Amino acid sequence: MSTLTIKQWEKLVKKALENEGHYRPIFDRSIIVLSEILFERDRIYKQYMDEGGHILIEYESDRGATNRRPNPLLDQWQKLNNTALQYFKELGLTPGGLTKIKGEIEEQKGNSLDAFINNLEKGAAENDRKRSKRKA
């Protein structure tokens, strides 16, 4: 199993954001962090598989008994996977996250339109006042 490099993950995540139409340069730091998480997650999974892919591993207790416990690599992998999922959500790369991001973008567009209309109205009111002063 070959793993992607951090740079390859960055390109994939950025491309996914661009495909959804909501990539912004402000996301770059989050993309880098997510790429590092995904790289580490894949590295741990590769190590897990290289060591036999055992869910339980044997260990020797202080008293010399052989016991079994959950493989700590799986725990690390799960934690990294959950962290990556949070980044995916925040970047709008899950259905719920995408809905949230698109709603925020639409809200910003609406706010921009409202601000534009307000500026037009203010400008028109200012022009009306100037005309009134000239007539007087």
N, C-alpha and C. Protein backbone atom coordinates (compact mmCIF):
# COMPACT_ATOMS: atom_id res chain seq x y z
N MET A 1 0.84 -1.18 0.00
CA MET A 1 0.00 0.00 0.00
C MET A 1 0.88 1.24 0.00
N SER A 2 0.72 2.08 -0.99
CA SER A 2 1.50 3.32 -1.02
C SER A 2 0.64 4.44 -0.44
N THR A 3 1.30 5.32 0.29
CA THR A 3 0.58 6.44 0.88
C THR A 3 0.90 7.70 0.10
N LEU A 4 -0.01 8.64 0.13
CA LEU A 4 0.20 9.92 -0.52
C LEU A 4 1.10 10.78 0.35
N THR A 5 1.84 11.68 -0.29
CA THR A 5 2.65 12.63 0.46
C THR A 5 1.74 13.74 0.98
N ILE A 6 2.28 14.55 1.86
CA ILE A 6 1.51 15.69 2.38
C ILE A 6 1.14 16.63 1.23
N LYS A 7 2.08 16.88 0.33
CA LYS A 7 1.81 17.76 -0.82
C LYS A 7 0.72 17.18 -1.72
N GLN A 8 0.73 15.87 -1.93
CA GLN A 8 -0.31 15.24 -2.74
C GLN A 8 -1.68 15.38 -2.08
N TRP A 9 -1.72 15.21 -0.75
CA TRP A 9 -2.98 15.40 -0.03
C TRP A 9 -3.44 16.84 -0.16
N GLU A 10 -2.51 17.80 -0.04
CA GLU A 10 -2.87 19.21 -0.18
C GLU A 10 -3.53 19.48 -1.53
N LYS A 11 -2.93 18.96 -2.59
CA LYS A 11 -3.48 19.16 -3.93
C LYS A 11 -4.86 18.54 -4.05
N LEU A 12 -5.04 17.32 -3.49
CA LEU A 12 -6.35 16.66 -3.57
C LEU A 12 -7.43 17.43 -2.83
N VAL A 13 -7.10 17.89 -1.62
CA VAL A 13 -8.09 18.62 -0.81
C VAL A 13 -8.43 19.95 -1.48
N LYS A 14 -7.41 20.66 -1.94
CA LYS A 14 -7.64 21.96 -2.60
C LYS A 14 -8.49 21.76 -3.85
N LYS A 15 -8.20 20.73 -4.62
CA LYS A 15 -8.96 20.44 -5.84
C LYS A 15 -10.42 20.13 -5.49
N ALA A 16 -10.64 19.37 -4.42
CA ALA A 16 -12.01 19.06 -3.99
C ALA A 16 -12.77 20.33 -3.63
N LEU A 17 -12.10 21.24 -2.93
CA LEU A 17 -12.72 22.53 -2.59
C LEU A 17 -13.03 23.34 -3.84
N GLU A 18 -12.09 23.36 -4.77
CA GLU A 18 -12.31 24.09 -6.02
C GLU A 18 -13.48 23.48 -6.80
N ASN A 19 -13.56 22.15 -6.82
CA ASN A 19 -14.65 21.48 -7.52
C ASN A 19 -16.01 21.83 -6.91
N GLU A 20 -16.04 22.05 -5.61
CA GLU A 20 -17.29 22.42 -4.94
C GLU A 20 -17.59 23.92 -5.10
N GLY A 21 -16.57 24.66 -5.54
CA GLY A 21 -16.77 26.08 -5.79
C GLY A 21 -16.65 26.96 -4.56
N HIS A 22 -16.03 26.46 -3.51
CA HIS A 22 -15.90 27.31 -2.33
C HIS A 22 -14.48 27.34 -1.75
N TYR A 23 -13.48 27.13 -2.60
CA TYR A 23 -12.11 27.30 -2.13
C TYR A 23 -11.85 28.78 -1.89
N ARG A 24 -11.20 29.09 -0.78
CA ARG A 24 -10.77 30.44 -0.45
C ARG A 24 -9.33 30.34 0.08
N PRO A 25 -8.47 31.29 -0.24
CA PRO A 25 -7.09 31.25 0.26
C PRO A 25 -7.01 31.16 1.79
N ILE A 26 -8.03 31.66 2.47
CA ILE A 26 -8.03 31.59 3.94
C ILE A 26 -8.06 30.14 4.43
N PHE A 27 -8.45 29.20 3.57
CA PHE A 27 -8.50 27.78 3.93
C PHE A 27 -7.13 27.11 3.86
N ASP A 28 -6.13 27.78 3.30
CA ASP A 28 -4.84 27.13 3.04
C ASP A 28 -4.21 26.50 4.28
N ARG A 29 -4.23 27.20 5.41
CA ARG A 29 -3.62 26.62 6.62
C ARG A 29 -4.38 25.37 7.07
N SER A 30 -5.69 25.40 6.99
CA SER A 30 -6.49 24.21 7.35
C SER A 30 -6.22 23.07 6.39
N ILE A 31 -6.02 23.39 5.12
CA ILE A 31 -5.71 22.35 4.13
C ILE A 31 -4.38 21.69 4.46
N ILE A 32 -3.39 22.49 4.86
CA ILE A 32 -2.09 21.94 5.22
C ILE A 32 -2.21 21.03 6.45
N VAL A 33 -2.91 21.49 7.47
CA VAL A 33 -3.07 20.70 8.69
C VAL A 33 -3.82 19.40 8.37
N LEU A 34 -4.90 19.49 7.61
CA LEU A 34 -5.65 18.30 7.22
C LEU A 34 -4.76 17.33 6.45
N SER A 35 -3.95 17.85 5.56
CA SER A 35 -3.05 17.00 4.76
C SER A 35 -2.04 16.28 5.65
N GLU A 36 -1.53 16.96 6.64
CA GLU A 36 -0.61 16.33 7.59
C GLU A 36 -1.31 15.23 8.39
N ILE A 37 -2.53 15.48 8.80
CA ILE A 37 -3.31 14.49 9.54
C ILE A 37 -3.55 13.26 8.67
N LEU A 38 -3.95 13.47 7.42
CA LEU A 38 -4.23 12.35 6.52
C LEU A 38 -2.97 11.55 6.22
N PHE A 39 -1.85 12.25 6.05
CA PHE A 39 -0.58 11.57 5.82
C PHE A 39 -0.22 10.68 7.01
N GLU A 40 -0.34 11.24 8.21
CA GLU A 40 -0.01 10.48 9.43
C GLU A 40 -0.98 9.31 9.61
N ARG A 41 -2.26 9.54 9.35
CA ARG A 41 -3.26 8.47 9.44
C ARG A 41 -2.90 7.32 8.52
N ASP A 42 -2.54 7.64 7.28
CA ASP A 42 -2.18 6.60 6.33
C ASP A 42 -0.90 5.88 6.72
N ARG A 43 0.06 6.63 7.29
CA ARG A 43 1.32 6.02 7.75
C ARG A 43 1.05 5.01 8.86
N ILE A 44 0.18 5.39 9.78
CA ILE A 44 -0.15 4.49 10.89
C ILE A 44 -0.88 3.25 10.38
N TYR A 45 -1.79 3.44 9.44
CA TYR A 45 -2.51 2.29 8.88
C TYR A 45 -1.54 1.35 8.17
N LYS A 46 -0.58 1.90 7.43
CA LYS A 46 0.42 1.07 6.76
C LYS A 46 1.22 0.29 7.79
N GLN A 47 1.63 0.94 8.87
CA GLN A 47 2.37 0.26 9.93
C GLN A 47 1.52 -0.86 10.53
N TYR A 48 0.26 -0.58 10.79
CA TYR A 48 -0.68 -1.57 11.32
C TYR A 48 -0.75 -2.79 10.40
N MET A 49 -0.89 -2.55 9.10
CA MET A 49 -0.97 -3.66 8.15
C MET A 49 0.37 -4.40 8.05
N ASP A 50 1.49 -3.66 8.06
CA ASP A 50 2.81 -4.29 7.98
C ASP A 50 3.08 -5.19 9.19
N GLU A 51 2.47 -4.85 10.32
CA GLU A 51 2.65 -5.64 11.54
C GLU A 51 1.63 -6.77 11.64
N GLY A 52 0.88 -7.00 10.59
CA GLY A 52 -0.04 -8.14 10.57
C GLY A 52 -1.51 -7.78 10.63
N GLY A 53 -1.84 -6.54 10.90
CA GLY A 53 -3.24 -6.11 10.92
C GLY A 53 -4.07 -6.78 12.00
N HIS A 54 -3.47 -7.01 13.15
CA HIS A 54 -4.18 -7.67 14.25
C HIS A 54 -4.96 -6.65 15.09
N ILE A 55 -6.24 -6.93 15.31
CA ILE A 55 -7.06 -6.05 16.13
C ILE A 55 -6.60 -6.11 17.58
N LEU A 56 -6.27 -7.31 18.03
CA LEU A 56 -5.74 -7.51 19.38
C LEU A 56 -4.29 -7.92 19.29
N ILE A 57 -3.48 -7.42 20.21
CA ILE A 57 -2.08 -7.82 20.25
C ILE A 57 -1.78 -8.42 21.62
N GLU A 58 -0.79 -9.28 21.62
CA GLU A 58 -0.40 -9.91 22.89
C GLU A 58 0.69 -9.08 23.54
N TYR A 59 0.65 -9.06 24.85
CA TYR A 59 1.70 -8.40 25.60
C TYR A 59 1.91 -9.17 26.88
N GLU A 60 3.07 -8.97 27.47
CA GLU A 60 3.41 -9.68 28.70
C GLU A 60 3.20 -8.75 29.89
N SER A 61 2.45 -9.21 30.86
CA SER A 61 2.17 -8.40 32.05
C SER A 61 3.40 -8.36 32.95
N ASP A 62 3.32 -7.54 34.01
CA ASP A 62 4.42 -7.43 34.98
C ASP A 62 4.72 -8.78 35.63
N ARG A 63 3.72 -9.62 35.72
CA ARG A 63 3.88 -10.92 36.39
C ARG A 63 4.26 -12.04 35.42
N GLY A 64 4.46 -11.67 34.15
CA GLY A 64 4.90 -12.66 33.19
C GLY A 64 3.79 -13.35 32.42
N ALA A 65 2.55 -12.98 32.69
CA ALA A 65 1.44 -13.60 31.97
C ALA A 65 1.28 -12.95 30.61
N THR A 66 0.88 -13.73 29.63
CA THR A 66 0.62 -13.21 28.30
C THR A 66 -0.85 -12.84 28.21
N ASN A 67 -1.10 -11.60 27.91
CA ASN A 67 -2.47 -11.09 27.80
C ASN A 67 -2.66 -10.48 26.42
N ARG A 68 -3.93 -10.14 26.12
CA ARG A 68 -4.26 -9.50 24.86
C ARG A 68 -4.91 -8.15 25.14
N ARG A 69 -4.62 -7.21 24.26
CA ARG A 69 -5.24 -5.89 24.39
C ARG A 69 -5.47 -5.34 22.97
N PRO A 70 -6.34 -4.32 22.87
CA PRO A 70 -6.56 -3.71 21.56
C PRO A 70 -5.26 -3.11 21.02
N ASN A 71 -5.08 -3.22 19.74
CA ASN A 71 -3.88 -2.69 19.10
C ASN A 71 -3.90 -1.16 19.20
N PRO A 72 -2.89 -0.55 19.81
CA PRO A 72 -2.87 0.91 19.96
C PRO A 72 -2.78 1.65 18.63
N LEU A 73 -2.28 0.99 17.59
CA LEU A 73 -2.23 1.63 16.28
C LEU A 73 -3.64 1.91 15.76
N LEU A 74 -4.57 0.99 16.05
CA LEU A 74 -5.95 1.22 15.63
C LEU A 74 -6.56 2.41 16.36
N ASP A 75 -6.23 2.56 17.62
CA ASP A 75 -6.72 3.70 18.40
C ASP A 75 -6.18 5.01 17.82
N GLN A 76 -4.89 5.04 17.51
CA GLN A 76 -4.30 6.23 16.90
C GLN A 76 -4.94 6.52 15.55
N TRP A 77 -5.12 5.48 14.75
CA TRP A 77 -5.72 5.65 13.43
C TRP A 77 -7.13 6.23 13.56
N GLN A 78 -7.92 5.70 14.50
CA GLN A 78 -9.29 6.17 14.69
C GLN A 78 -9.32 7.64 15.13
N LYS A 79 -8.44 8.01 16.04
CA LYS A 79 -8.38 9.41 16.49
C LYS A 79 -8.02 10.35 15.34
N LEU A 80 -7.04 9.97 14.54
CA LEU A 80 -6.65 10.81 13.39
C LEU A 80 -7.78 10.87 12.36
N ASN A 81 -8.47 9.75 12.17
CA ASN A 81 -9.58 9.72 11.22
C ASN A 81 -10.70 10.66 11.69
N ASN A 82 -11.01 10.63 12.98
CA ASN A 82 -12.05 11.52 13.53
C ASN A 82 -11.64 12.99 13.42
N THR A 83 -10.37 13.26 13.66
CA THR A 83 -9.89 14.64 13.54
C THR A 83 -9.98 15.11 12.09
N ALA A 84 -9.58 14.23 11.16
CA ALA A 84 -9.67 14.57 9.74
C ALA A 84 -11.13 14.84 9.35
N LEU A 85 -12.03 14.04 9.88
CA LEU A 85 -13.45 14.22 9.57
C LEU A 85 -13.93 15.60 10.00
N GLN A 86 -13.48 16.07 11.15
CA GLN A 86 -13.85 17.41 11.61
C GLN A 86 -13.35 18.49 10.64
N TYR A 87 -12.13 18.32 10.14
CA TYR A 87 -11.61 19.26 9.16
C TYR A 87 -12.42 19.19 7.86
N PHE A 88 -12.74 17.97 7.42
CA PHE A 88 -13.56 17.81 6.22
C PHE A 88 -14.89 18.55 6.37
N LYS A 89 -15.50 18.41 7.55
CA LYS A 89 -16.78 19.09 7.80
C LYS A 89 -16.61 20.60 7.74
N GLU A 90 -15.59 21.11 8.42
CA GLU A 90 -15.38 22.56 8.47
C GLU A 90 -15.07 23.15 7.10
N LEU A 91 -14.43 22.35 6.25
CA LEU A 91 -14.09 22.82 4.92
C LEU A 91 -15.22 22.60 3.91
N GLY A 92 -16.32 21.99 4.37
CA GLY A 92 -17.46 21.77 3.49
C GLY A 92 -17.29 20.58 2.57
N LEU A 93 -16.52 19.59 3.00
CA LEU A 93 -16.28 18.40 2.18
C LEU A 93 -17.07 17.18 2.64
N THR A 94 -18.11 17.42 3.43
CA THR A 94 -19.09 16.40 3.77
C THR A 94 -20.46 16.99 3.42
N PRO A 95 -21.48 16.16 3.25
CA PRO A 95 -22.79 16.72 2.90
C PRO A 95 -23.26 17.80 3.88
N GLY A 96 -23.15 17.55 5.19
CA GLY A 96 -23.57 18.54 6.17
C GLY A 96 -22.69 19.78 6.15
N GLY A 97 -21.39 19.57 6.02
CA GLY A 97 -20.46 20.69 5.97
C GLY A 97 -20.66 21.53 4.72
N LEU A 98 -20.97 20.86 3.60
CA LEU A 98 -21.21 21.56 2.35
C LEU A 98 -22.45 22.45 2.45
N THR A 99 -23.50 21.91 3.06
CA THR A 99 -24.73 22.68 3.25
C THR A 99 -24.45 23.92 4.09
N LYS A 100 -23.66 23.76 5.15
CA LYS A 100 -23.32 24.88 6.03
C LYS A 100 -22.50 25.94 5.28
N ILE A 101 -21.48 25.48 4.55
CA ILE A 101 -20.62 26.41 3.81
C ILE A 101 -21.43 27.16 2.75
N LYS A 102 -22.24 26.43 2.00
CA LYS A 102 -23.02 27.09 0.93
C LYS A 102 -24.00 28.09 1.54
N GLY A 103 -24.57 27.76 2.71
CA GLY A 103 -25.46 28.69 3.39
C GLY A 103 -24.73 29.95 3.81
N GLU A 104 -23.51 29.79 4.33
CA GLU A 104 -22.71 30.94 4.74
C GLU A 104 -22.33 31.80 3.54
N ILE A 105 -21.99 31.14 2.42
CA ILE A 105 -21.63 31.89 1.21
C ILE A 105 -22.84 32.68 0.71
N GLU A 106 -24.00 32.04 0.70
CA GLU A 106 -25.21 32.74 0.25
C GLU A 106 -25.54 33.90 1.18
N GLU A 107 -25.33 33.69 2.49
CA GLU A 107 -25.59 34.76 3.46
C GLU A 107 -24.64 35.93 3.21
N GLN A 108 -23.37 35.62 2.94
CA GLN A 108 -22.41 36.69 2.65
C GLN A 108 -22.79 37.43 1.38
N LYS A 109 -23.23 36.67 0.36
CA LYS A 109 -23.66 37.32 -0.88
C LYS A 109 -24.86 38.22 -0.60
N GLY A 110 -25.79 37.71 0.20
CA GLY A 110 -26.97 38.51 0.57
C GLY A 110 -26.56 39.75 1.32
N ASN A 111 -25.64 39.60 2.25
CA ASN A 111 -25.16 40.77 3.00
C ASN A 111 -24.47 41.76 2.09
N SER A 112 -23.72 41.25 1.13
CA SER A 112 -23.03 42.14 0.19
C SER A 112 -24.05 42.88 -0.66
N LEU A 113 -25.08 42.18 -1.10
CA LEU A 113 -26.13 42.81 -1.90
C LEU A 113 -26.85 43.86 -1.07
N ASP A 114 -27.17 43.52 0.18
CA ASP A 114 -27.83 44.49 1.06
C ASP A 114 -26.95 45.73 1.25
N ALA A 115 -25.66 45.52 1.46
CA ALA A 115 -24.75 46.65 1.65
C ALA A 115 -24.69 47.49 0.38
N PHE A 116 -24.66 46.83 -0.76
CA PHE A 116 -24.64 47.55 -2.04
C PHE A 116 -25.89 48.40 -2.20
N ILE A 117 -27.05 47.81 -1.93
CA ILE A 117 -28.32 48.55 -2.04
C ILE A 117 -28.36 49.71 -1.06
N ASN A 118 -27.91 49.47 0.18
CA ASN A 118 -27.88 50.54 1.18
C ASN A 118 -26.98 51.69 0.73
N ASN A 119 -25.82 51.35 0.15
CA ASN A 119 -24.92 52.39 -0.34
C ASN A 119 -25.57 53.18 -1.48
N LEU A 120 -26.27 52.49 -2.36
CA LEU A 120 -26.98 53.18 -3.44
C LEU A 120 -28.02 54.13 -2.88
N GLU A 121 -28.79 53.64 -1.88
CA GLU A 121 -29.83 54.47 -1.27
C GLU A 121 -29.23 55.68 -0.57
N LYS A 122 -28.12 55.48 0.14
CA LYS A 122 -27.45 56.60 0.81
C LYS A 122 -26.96 57.62 -0.20
N GLY A 123 -26.37 57.10 -1.30
CA GLY A 123 -25.89 57.99 -2.35
C GLY A 123 -27.02 58.78 -2.97
N ALA A 124 -28.15 58.12 -3.20
CA ALA A 124 -29.31 58.81 -3.79
C ALA A 124 -29.84 59.86 -2.82
N ALA A 125 -29.89 59.55 -1.53
CA ALA A 125 -30.37 60.51 -0.54
C ALA A 125 -29.42 61.71 -0.47
N GLU A 126 -28.13 61.46 -0.54
CA GLU A 126 -27.13 62.54 -0.52
C GLU A 126 -27.30 63.44 -1.74
N ASN A 127 -27.51 62.83 -2.90
CA ASN A 127 -27.73 63.62 -4.13
C ASN A 127 -29.00 64.45 -4.02
N ASP A 128 -30.05 63.89 -3.45
CA ASP A 128 -31.31 64.63 -3.26
C ASP A 128 -31.08 65.85 -2.37
N ARG A 129 -30.30 65.68 -1.29
CA ARG A 129 -30.03 66.80 -0.39
C ARG A 129 -29.23 67.90 -1.10
N LYS A 130 -28.26 67.49 -1.90
CA LYS A 130 -27.47 68.47 -2.63
C LYS A 130 -28.33 69.26 -3.63
N ARG A 131 -29.22 68.55 -4.29
CA ARG A 131 -30.11 69.21 -5.25
C ARG A 131 -31.04 70.20 -4.52
N SER A 132 -31.52 69.79 -3.37
CA SER A 132 -32.42 70.66 -2.58
C SER A 132 -31.69 71.92 -2.15
N LYS A 133 -30.43 71.82 -1.76
CA LYS A 133 -29.66 72.98 -1.34
C LYS A 133 -29.40 73.92 -2.52
N ARG A 134 -29.17 73.36 -3.70
CA ARG A 134 -28.92 74.21 -4.88
C ARG A 134 -30.15 74.99 -5.27
N LYS A 135 -31.33 74.38 -5.13
CA LYS A 135 -32.58 75.03 -5.50
C LYS A 135 -32.92 76.14 -4.50
N ALA A 136 -32.49 75.99 -3.28
CA ALA A 136 -32.87 76.95 -2.24
C ALA A 136 -32.06 78.20 -2.27
